[in-house]
C-alpha atoms as a PDB file:
ATOM      1  CA  UNK A   1     -57.117 -70.910 -31.771  1.00  0.00           C
ATOM      2  CA  UNK A   2     -53.315 -71.230 -31.825  1.00  0.00           C
ATOM      3  CA  UNK A   3     -51.267 -68.856 -29.709  1.00  0.00           C
ATOM      4  CA  UNK A   4     -51.834 -68.126 -26.058  1.00  0.00           C
ATOM      5  CA  UNK A   5     -51.323 -64.696 -24.529  1.00  0.00           C
ATOM      6  CA  UNK A   6     -47.728 -65.676 -23.912  1.00  0.00           C
ATOM      7  CA  UNK A   7     -47.465 -66.799 -27.519  1.00  0.00           C
ATOM      8  CA  UNK A   8     -48.493 -63.433 -28.879  1.00  0.00           C
ATOM      9  CA  UNK A   9     -45.939 -61.774 -26.603  1.00  0.00           C
ATOM     10  CA  UNK A  10     -43.388 -64.125 -28.118  1.00  0.00           C
ATOM     11  CA  UNK A  11     -44.416 -62.968 -31.573  1.00  0.00           C
ATOM     12  CA  UNK A  12     -43.851 -59.345 -30.647  1.00  0.00           C
ATOM     13  CA  UNK A  13     -40.591 -59.900 -28.771  1.00  0.00           C
ATOM     14  CA  UNK A  14     -39.390 -62.187 -31.552  1.00  0.00           C
ATOM     15  CA  UNK A  15     -40.009 -59.419 -34.054  1.00  0.00           C
ATOM     16  CA  UNK A  16     -37.793 -57.130 -31.986  1.00  0.00           C
ATOM     17  CA  UNK A  17     -35.048 -59.739 -31.542  1.00  0.00           C
ATOM     18  CA  UNK A  18     -34.860 -60.527 -35.235  1.00  0.00           C
ATOM     19  CA  UNK A  19     -34.786 -56.915 -36.357  1.00  0.00           C
ATOM     20  CA  UNK A  20     -32.325 -57.617 -39.172  1.00  0.00           C
ATOM     21  CA  UNK A  21     -34.739 -59.900 -40.995  1.00  0.00           C
ATOM     22  CA  UNK A  22     -37.789 -58.753 -42.944  1.00  0.00           C
ATOM     23  CA  UNK A  23     -40.487 -57.602 -40.519  1.00  0.00           C
ATOM     24  CA  UNK A  24     -43.407 -55.228 -40.958  1.00  0.00           C
ATOM     25  CA  UNK A  25     -46.629 -54.185 -39.287  1.00  0.00           C
ATOM     26  CA  UNK A  26     -48.412 -56.367 -41.841  1.00  0.00           C
ATOM     27  CA  UNK A  27     -46.442 -59.445 -40.770  1.00  0.00           C
ATOM     28  CA  UNK A  28     -47.150 -58.927 -37.084  1.00  0.00           C
ATOM     29  CA  UNK A  29     -50.849 -58.267 -37.740  1.00  0.00           C
ATOM     30  CA  UNK A  30     -51.199 -61.314 -40.003  1.00  0.00           C
ATOM     31  CA  UNK A  31     -49.440 -63.566 -37.482  1.00  0.00           C
ATOM     32  CA  UNK A  32     -51.975 -62.433 -34.869  1.00  0.00           C
ATOM     33  CA  UNK A  33     -54.863 -63.028 -37.277  1.00  0.00           C
ATOM     34  CA  UNK A  34     -53.718 -66.532 -38.207  1.00  0.00           C
ATOM     35  CA  UNK A  35     -52.189 -67.657 -34.914  1.00  0.00           C
ATOM     36  CA  UNK A  36     -54.244 -65.931 -32.246  1.00  0.00           C
ATOM     37  CA  UNK A  37     -57.666 -65.623 -33.867  1.00  0.00           C
ATOM     38  CA  UNK A  38     -57.605 -68.572 -36.276  1.00  0.00           C
ATOM     39  CA  UNK A  39     -58.404 -66.561 -39.415  1.00  0.00           C
ATOM     40  CA  UNK A  40     -57.283 -67.401 -42.950  1.00  0.00           C
ATOM     41  CA  UNK A  41     -55.524 -64.549 -44.769  1.00  0.00           C
ATOM     42  CA  UNK A  42     -54.822 -63.779 -48.409  1.00  0.00           C
ATOM     43  CA  UNK A  43     -52.451 -61.217 -49.876  1.00  0.00           C
ATOM     44  CA  UNK A  44     -54.237 -58.493 -51.765  1.00  0.00           C
ATOM     45  CA  UNK A  45     -53.482 -55.934 -54.457  1.00  0.00           C
ATOM     46  CA  UNK A  46     -52.600 -52.339 -53.641  1.00  0.00           C
ATOM     47  CA  UNK A  47     -53.377 -49.157 -55.552  1.00  0.00           C
ATOM     48  CA  UNK A  48     -50.201 -47.598 -56.943  1.00  0.00           C
ATOM     49  CA  UNK A  49     -50.560 -44.185 -58.540  1.00  0.00           C
ATOM     50  CA  UNK A  50     -54.216 -44.831 -59.290  1.00  0.00           C
ATOM     51  CA  UNK A  51     -53.498 -48.203 -60.907  1.00  0.00           C
ATOM     52  CA  UNK A  52     -53.828 -51.686 -59.432  1.00  0.00           C
ATOM     53  CA  UNK A  53     -50.681 -53.592 -58.495  1.00  0.00           C
ATOM     54  CA  UNK A  54     -52.171 -56.710 -60.123  1.00  0.00           C
ATOM     55  CA  UNK A  55     -51.090 -55.243 -63.466  1.00  0.00           C
ATOM     56  CA  UNK A  56     -54.485 -55.268 -65.180  1.00  0.00           C
ATOM     57  CA  UNK A  57     -55.204 -51.973 -66.909  1.00  0.00           C
ATOM     58  CA  UNK A  58     -58.922 -52.770 -66.780  1.00  0.00           C
ATOM     59  CA  UNK A  59     -58.987 -54.009 -63.164  1.00  0.00           C
ATOM     60  CA  UNK A  60     -62.573 -53.603 -61.876  1.00  0.00           C
ATOM     61  CA  UNK A  61     -61.489 -53.130 -58.237  1.00  0.00           C
ATOM     62  CA  UNK A  62     -58.057 -51.442 -58.173  1.00  0.00           C
ATOM     63  CA  UNK A  63     -56.240 -52.186 -54.938  1.00  0.00           C
ATOM     64  CA  UNK A  64     -59.228 -53.944 -53.382  1.00  0.00           C
ATOM     65  CA  UNK A  65     -59.063 -57.631 -54.300  1.00  0.00           C
ATOM     66  CA  UNK A  66     -56.991 -60.748 -53.564  1.00  0.00           C
ATOM     67  CA  UNK A  67     -54.028 -61.567 -55.778  1.00  0.00           C
ATOM     68  CA  UNK A  68     -55.055 -64.709 -57.654  1.00  0.00           C
ATOM     69  CA  UNK A  69     -51.482 -66.001 -57.948  1.00  0.00           C
ATOM     70  CA  UNK A  70     -50.668 -65.660 -54.215  1.00  0.00           C
ATOM     71  CA  UNK A  71     -51.343 -68.797 -52.128  1.00  0.00           C
ATOM     72  CA  UNK A  72     -53.572 -68.434 -49.081  1.00  0.00           C
ATOM     73  CA  UNK A  73     -51.955 -68.106 -45.666  1.00  0.00           C
ATOM     74  CA  UNK A  74     -53.928 -70.532 -43.487  1.00  0.00           C
ATOM     75  CA  UNK A  75     -55.037 -70.196 -39.892  1.00  0.00           C
ATOM     76  CA  UNK A  76     -52.231 -71.325 -37.619  1.00  0.00           C
ATOM     77  CA  UNK A  77     -49.411 -69.867 -39.745  1.00  0.00           C
ATOM     78  CA  UNK A  78     -46.494 -68.644 -37.628  1.00  0.00           C
ATOM     79  CA  UNK A  79     -44.734 -65.287 -37.771  1.00  0.00           C
ATOM     80  CA  UNK A  80     -41.815 -66.846 -39.649  1.00  0.00           C
ATOM     81  CA  UNK A  81     -44.173 -68.360 -42.235  1.00  0.00           C
ATOM     82  CA  UNK A  82     -46.024 -65.073 -42.611  1.00  0.00           C
ATOM     83  CA  UNK A  83     -42.760 -63.135 -42.947  1.00  0.00           C
ATOM     84  CA  UNK A  84     -41.536 -65.413 -45.724  1.00  0.00           C
ATOM     85  CA  UNK A  85     -44.840 -64.992 -47.564  1.00  0.00           C
ATOM     86  CA  UNK A  86     -44.772 -61.182 -47.260  1.00  0.00           C
ATOM     87  CA  UNK A  87     -41.121 -61.048 -48.356  1.00  0.00           C
ATOM     88  CA  UNK A  88     -42.307 -62.486 -51.679  1.00  0.00           C
ATOM     89  CA  UNK A  89     -44.883 -59.687 -52.094  1.00  0.00           C
ATOM     90  CA  UNK A  90     -43.835 -56.766 -49.887  1.00  0.00           C
ATOM     91  CA  UNK A  91     -46.553 -54.168 -49.547  1.00  0.00           C
ATOM     92  CA  UNK A  92     -49.390 -56.578 -50.289  1.00  0.00           C
ATOM     93  CA  UNK A  93     -52.698 -55.757 -48.644  1.00  0.00           C
ATOM     94  CA  UNK A  94     -53.941 -57.893 -45.766  1.00  0.00           C
ATOM     95  CA  UNK A  95     -57.282 -59.502 -46.600  1.00  0.00           C
ATOM     96  CA  UNK A  96     -59.306 -61.844 -44.409  1.00  0.00           C
ATOM     97  CA  UNK A  97     -61.248 -64.767 -45.843  1.00  0.00           C
ATOM     98  CA  UNK A  98     -64.915 -64.521 -44.855  1.00  0.00           C
ATOM     99  CA  UNK A  99     -67.273 -67.472 -44.569  1.00  0.00           C
ATOM    100  CA  UNK A 100     -65.034 -69.748 -42.498  1.00  0.00           C
ATOM    101  CA  UNK A 101     -64.226 -68.570 -38.978  1.00  0.00           C
ATOM    102  CA  UNK A 102     -66.646 -65.677 -39.353  1.00  0.00           C
ATOM    103  CA  UNK A 103     -69.157 -63.955 -41.610  1.00  0.00           C
ATOM    104  CA  UNK A 104     -69.691 -60.205 -41.538  1.00  0.00           C
ATOM    105  CA  UNK A 105     -72.623 -57.810 -41.560  1.00  0.00           C
ATOM    106  CA  UNK A 106     -71.862 -54.626 -43.473  1.00  0.00           C
ATOM    107  CA  UNK A 107     -73.532 -51.363 -42.492  1.00  0.00           C
ATOM    108  CA  UNK A 108     -72.822 -47.652 -42.814  1.00  0.00           C
ATOM    109  CA  UNK A 109     -70.171 -46.515 -40.330  1.00  0.00           C
ATOM    110  CA  UNK A 110     -72.430 -43.938 -38.570  1.00  0.00           C
ATOM    111  CA  UNK A 111     -75.018 -46.678 -38.054  1.00  0.00           C
ATOM    112  CA  UNK A 112     -72.324 -48.994 -36.709  1.00  0.00           C
ATOM    113  CA  UNK A 113     -71.108 -46.427 -34.191  1.00  0.00           C
ATOM    114  CA  UNK A 114     -74.599 -45.729 -32.872  1.00  0.00           C
ATOM    115  CA  UNK A 115     -75.416 -49.442 -32.744  1.00  0.00           C
ATOM    116  CA  UNK A 116     -72.173 -50.241 -30.907  1.00  0.00           C
ATOM    117  CA  UNK A 117     -73.016 -47.689 -28.208  1.00  0.00           C
ATOM    118  CA  UNK A 118     -76.438 -49.266 -27.685  1.00  0.00           C
ATOM    119  CA  UNK A 119     -75.064 -52.812 -27.735  1.00  0.00           C
ATOM    120  CA  UNK A 120     -72.397 -52.036 -25.155  1.00  0.00           C
ATOM    121  CA  UNK A 121     -74.994 -50.459 -22.850  1.00  0.00           C
ATOM    122  CA  UNK A 122     -77.177 -53.565 -23.269  1.00  0.00           C
ATOM    123  CA  UNK A 123     -74.254 -55.889 -22.516  1.00  0.00           C
ATOM    124  CA  UNK A 124     -74.614 -57.793 -25.791  1.00  0.00           C
ATOM    125  CA  UNK A 125     -71.780 -60.116 -26.851  1.00  0.00           C
ATOM    126  CA  UNK A 126     -69.642 -58.396 -29.464  1.00  0.00           C
ATOM    127  CA  UNK A 127     -66.950 -59.462 -31.862  1.00  0.00           C
ATOM    128  CA  UNK A 128     -64.542 -57.363 -33.890  1.00  0.00           C
ATOM    129  CA  UNK A 129     -65.837 -54.445 -35.963  1.00  0.00           C
ATOM    130  CA  UNK A 130     -63.876 -52.702 -38.723  1.00  0.00           C
ATOM    131  CA  UNK A 131     -64.430 -49.387 -40.515  1.00  0.00           C
ATOM    132  CA  UNK A 132     -63.327 -48.678 -44.077  1.00  0.00           C
ATOM    133  CA  UNK A 133     -62.223 -45.357 -45.593  1.00  0.00           C
ATOM    134  CA  UNK A 134     -65.374 -45.218 -47.719  1.00  0.00           C
ATOM    135  CA  UNK A 135     -67.664 -45.080 -44.707  1.00  0.00           C
ATOM    136  CA  UNK A 136     -68.659 -48.720 -44.277  1.00  0.00           C
ATOM    137  CA  UNK A 137     -68.328 -50.941 -41.211  1.00  0.00           C
ATOM    138  CA  UNK A 138     -68.228 -54.710 -40.755  1.00  0.00           C
ATOM    139  CA  UNK A 139     -69.467 -56.607 -37.692  1.00  0.00           C
ATOM    140  CA  UNK A 140     -67.809 -60.021 -37.414  1.00  0.00           C
ATOM    141  CA  UNK A 141     -70.464 -62.637 -36.627  1.00  0.00           C
ATOM    142  CA  UNK A 142     -70.750 -66.416 -36.598  1.00  0.00           C
ATOM    143  CA  UNK A 143     -70.254 -68.187 -39.947  1.00  0.00           C
ATOM    144  CA  UNK A 144     -73.442 -68.987 -41.844  1.00  0.00           C
ATOM    145  CA  UNK A 145     -74.990 -65.578 -41.202  1.00  0.00           C
ATOM    146  CA  UNK A 146     -74.742 -64.239 -44.756  1.00  0.00           C
ATOM    147  CA  UNK A 147     -77.045 -66.876 -46.234  1.00  0.00           C
ATOM    148  CA  UNK A 148     -79.505 -66.578 -43.336  1.00  0.00           C
ATOM    149  CA  UNK A 149     -79.648 -62.784 -43.122  1.00  0.00           C
ATOM    150  CA  UNK A 150     -82.896 -62.224 -45.104  1.00  0.00           C
ATOM    151  CA  UNK A 151     -84.676 -64.982 -43.154  1.00  0.00           C
ATOM    152  CA  UNK A 152     -83.433 -63.712 -39.798  1.00  0.00           C
ATOM    153  CA  UNK A 153     -84.560 -60.170 -40.587  1.00  0.00           C
ATOM    154  CA  UNK A 154     -87.943 -61.392 -41.828  1.00  0.00           C
ATOM    155  CA  UNK A 155     -88.505 -63.313 -38.596  1.00  0.00           C
ATOM    156  CA  UNK A 156     -87.786 -60.071 -36.719  1.00  0.00           C
ATOM    157  CA  UNK A 157     -90.363 -58.177 -38.787  1.00  0.00           C
ATOM    158  CA  UNK A 158     -88.019 -56.587 -41.335  1.00  0.00           C
ATOM    159  CA  UNK A 159     -89.002 -57.506 -44.884  1.00  0.00           C
ATOM    160  CA  UNK A 160     -86.235 -55.937 -46.966  1.00  0.00           C
ATOM    161  CA  UNK A 161     -82.543 -56.003 -45.903  1.00  0.00           C
ATOM    162  CA  UNK A 162     -81.642 -53.641 -48.757  1.00  0.00           C
ATOM    163  CA  UNK A 163     -83.946 -50.966 -47.354  1.00  0.00           C
ATOM    164  CA  UNK A 164     -81.970 -51.135 -44.087  1.00  0.00           C
ATOM    165  CA  UNK A 165     -78.603 -50.910 -45.870  1.00  0.00           C
ATOM    166  CA  UNK A 166     -77.521 -54.204 -44.259  1.00  0.00           C
ATOM    167  CA  UNK A 167     -75.470 -56.694 -46.256  1.00  0.00           C
ATOM    168  CA  UNK A 168     -74.239 -60.143 -45.314  1.00  0.00           C
ATOM    169  CA  UNK A 169     -70.715 -61.165 -46.369  1.00  0.00           C
ATOM    170  CA  UNK A 170     -69.884 -64.861 -46.348  1.00  0.00           C
ATOM    171  CA  UNK A 171     -68.101 -67.467 -48.497  1.00  0.00           C
ATOM    172  CA  UNK A 172     -66.421 -66.014 -51.559  1.00  0.00           C
ATOM    173  CA  UNK A 173     -65.870 -62.570 -50.037  1.00  0.00           C
ATOM    174  CA  UNK A 174     -62.816 -60.937 -48.480  1.00  0.00           C
ATOM    175  CA  UNK A 175     -62.367 -58.095 -46.003  1.00  0.00           C
ATOM    176  CA  UNK A 176     -59.385 -55.771 -46.116  1.00  0.00           C
ATOM    177  CA  UNK A 177     -58.021 -55.676 -42.569  1.00  0.00           C
ATOM    178  CA  UNK A 178     -55.893 -53.228 -40.579  1.00  0.00           C
ATOM    179  CA  UNK A 179     -53.246 -51.971 -41.175  1.00  0.00           C
ATOM    180  CA  UNK A 180     -53.940 -52.071 -44.933  1.00  0.00           C
ATOM    181  CA  UNK A 181     -55.761 -49.489 -46.997  1.00  0.00           C
ATOM    182  CA  UNK A 182     -58.520 -49.973 -49.560  1.00  0.00           C
ATOM    183  CA  UNK A 183     -57.668 -48.848 -53.062  1.00  0.00           C
ATOM    184  CA  UNK A 184     -55.330 -46.129 -51.813  1.00  0.00           C
ATOM    185  CA  UNK A 185     -58.253 -44.271 -50.226  1.00  0.00           C
ATOM    186  CA  UNK A 186     -57.071 -44.698 -46.640  1.00  0.00           C
ATOM    187  CA  UNK A 187     -56.540 -47.353 -43.956  1.00  0.00           C
ATOM    188  CA  UNK A 188     -59.054 -49.771 -42.531  1.00  0.00           C
ATOM    189  CA  UNK A 189     -59.490 -49.164 -38.770  1.00  0.00           C
ATOM    190  CA  UNK A 190     -60.812 -51.159 -35.845  1.00  0.00           C
ATOM    191  CA  UNK A 191     -63.967 -49.726 -34.297  1.00  0.00           C
ATOM    192  CA  UNK A 192     -63.742 -52.672 -31.927  1.00  0.00           C
ATOM    193  CA  UNK A 193     -60.575 -54.789 -32.132  1.00  0.00           C
ATOM    194  CA  UNK A 194     -60.538 -58.530 -31.443  1.00  0.00           C
ATOM    195  CA  UNK A 195     -60.269 -59.271 -27.744  1.00  0.00           C
ATOM    196  CA  UNK A 196     -58.835 -62.215 -25.842  1.00  0.00           C
ATOM    197  CA  UNK A 197     -61.810 -62.374 -23.491  1.00  0.00           C
ATOM    198  CA  UNK A 198     -64.310 -63.239 -26.237  1.00  0.00           C
ATOM    199  CA  UNK A 199     -65.144 -66.814 -27.154  1.00  0.00           C
ATOM    200  CA  UNK A 200     -65.570 -66.107 -30.874  1.00  0.00           C
ATOM    201  CA  UNK A 201     -67.827 -64.123 -33.181  1.00  0.00           C
ATOM    202  CA  UNK A 202     -71.351 -63.814 -31.760  1.00  0.00           C
ATOM    203  CA  UNK A 203     -74.468 -65.272 -33.286  1.00  0.00           C
ATOM    204  CA  UNK A 204     -75.969 -62.686 -35.623  1.00  0.00           C
ATOM    205  CA  UNK A 205     -79.450 -62.969 -34.090  1.00  0.00           C
ATOM    206  CA  UNK A 206     -78.104 -61.439 -30.864  1.00  0.00           C
ATOM    207  CA  UNK A 207     -77.060 -58.240 -32.655  1.00  0.00           C
ATOM    208  CA  UNK A 208     -79.391 -58.056 -35.609  1.00  0.00           C
ATOM    209  CA  UNK A 209     -82.377 -56.549 -33.825  1.00  0.00           C
ATOM    210  CA  UNK A 210     -80.337 -53.583 -32.628  1.00  0.00           C
ATOM    211  CA  UNK A 211     -78.553 -53.192 -35.963  1.00  0.00           C
ATOM    212  CA  UNK A 212     -81.821 -53.239 -37.909  1.00  0.00           C
ATOM    213  CA  UNK A 213     -83.497 -50.766 -35.541  1.00  0.00           C
ATOM    214  CA  UNK A 214     -80.606 -48.293 -35.674  1.00  0.00           C
ATOM    215  CA  UNK A 215     -80.269 -48.694 -39.444  1.00  0.00           C
ATOM    216  CA  UNK A 216     -83.995 -48.031 -39.879  1.00  0.00           C
ATOM    217  CA  UNK A 217     -83.788 -44.915 -37.691  1.00  0.00           C
ATOM    218  CA  UNK A 218     -80.739 -43.730 -39.636  1.00  0.00           C
ATOM    219  CA  UNK A 219     -82.480 -44.121 -42.982  1.00  0.00           C
ATOM    220  CA  UNK A 220     -85.564 -42.360 -41.642  1.00  0.00           C
ATOM    221  CA  UNK A 221     -83.419 -39.361 -40.633  1.00  0.00           C
ATOM    222  CA  UNK A 222     -81.924 -39.205 -44.117  1.00  0.00           C
ATOM    223  CA  UNK A 223     -85.377 -39.115 -45.671  1.00  0.00           C
END
């Protein structure tokens, strides 16, 4: 996946040593994403005074989309490479490319928190989980999940993913990642950050039963 534990320490100490050059929390985070976890990153728009930094007055997703003119930062990019890229667009949002190293399952944040508690008690393998300022959460799972989600749920006895408020995110989608915010509404947070002792995102089938059950219970409470 790129850096070793010692390598990520080098990133952090290097950032301190080269304090005169352009460094930011975004650069350090992106270097970890690309170098340590093997994720592709794109630079995204930010909301500025209610408008999108992309410059479009009619932008359909202000501050919540990739910048089309900014080249992708590939997995394996170093801190120096990331820093040069961010110096070109300081303040850009950090967005992860889904559908390659991982897909994601989106659920409501309260459902995610309850499901995480159950999964940890059950000893299920877990990957990273993010929470957005608008109350959504994303479980990182093995790539290919998004296209298989309806079939996987059907095989488990759940006919309608929409009724469970579960959504698969795969190729063609992007996740805003910490420390960036979404549309100026607040920062994305880790409910469960990436960990060195995990082999990679888990297979969705290992988590989906618990997620679907908790989501169903949550919807039943609302009704």
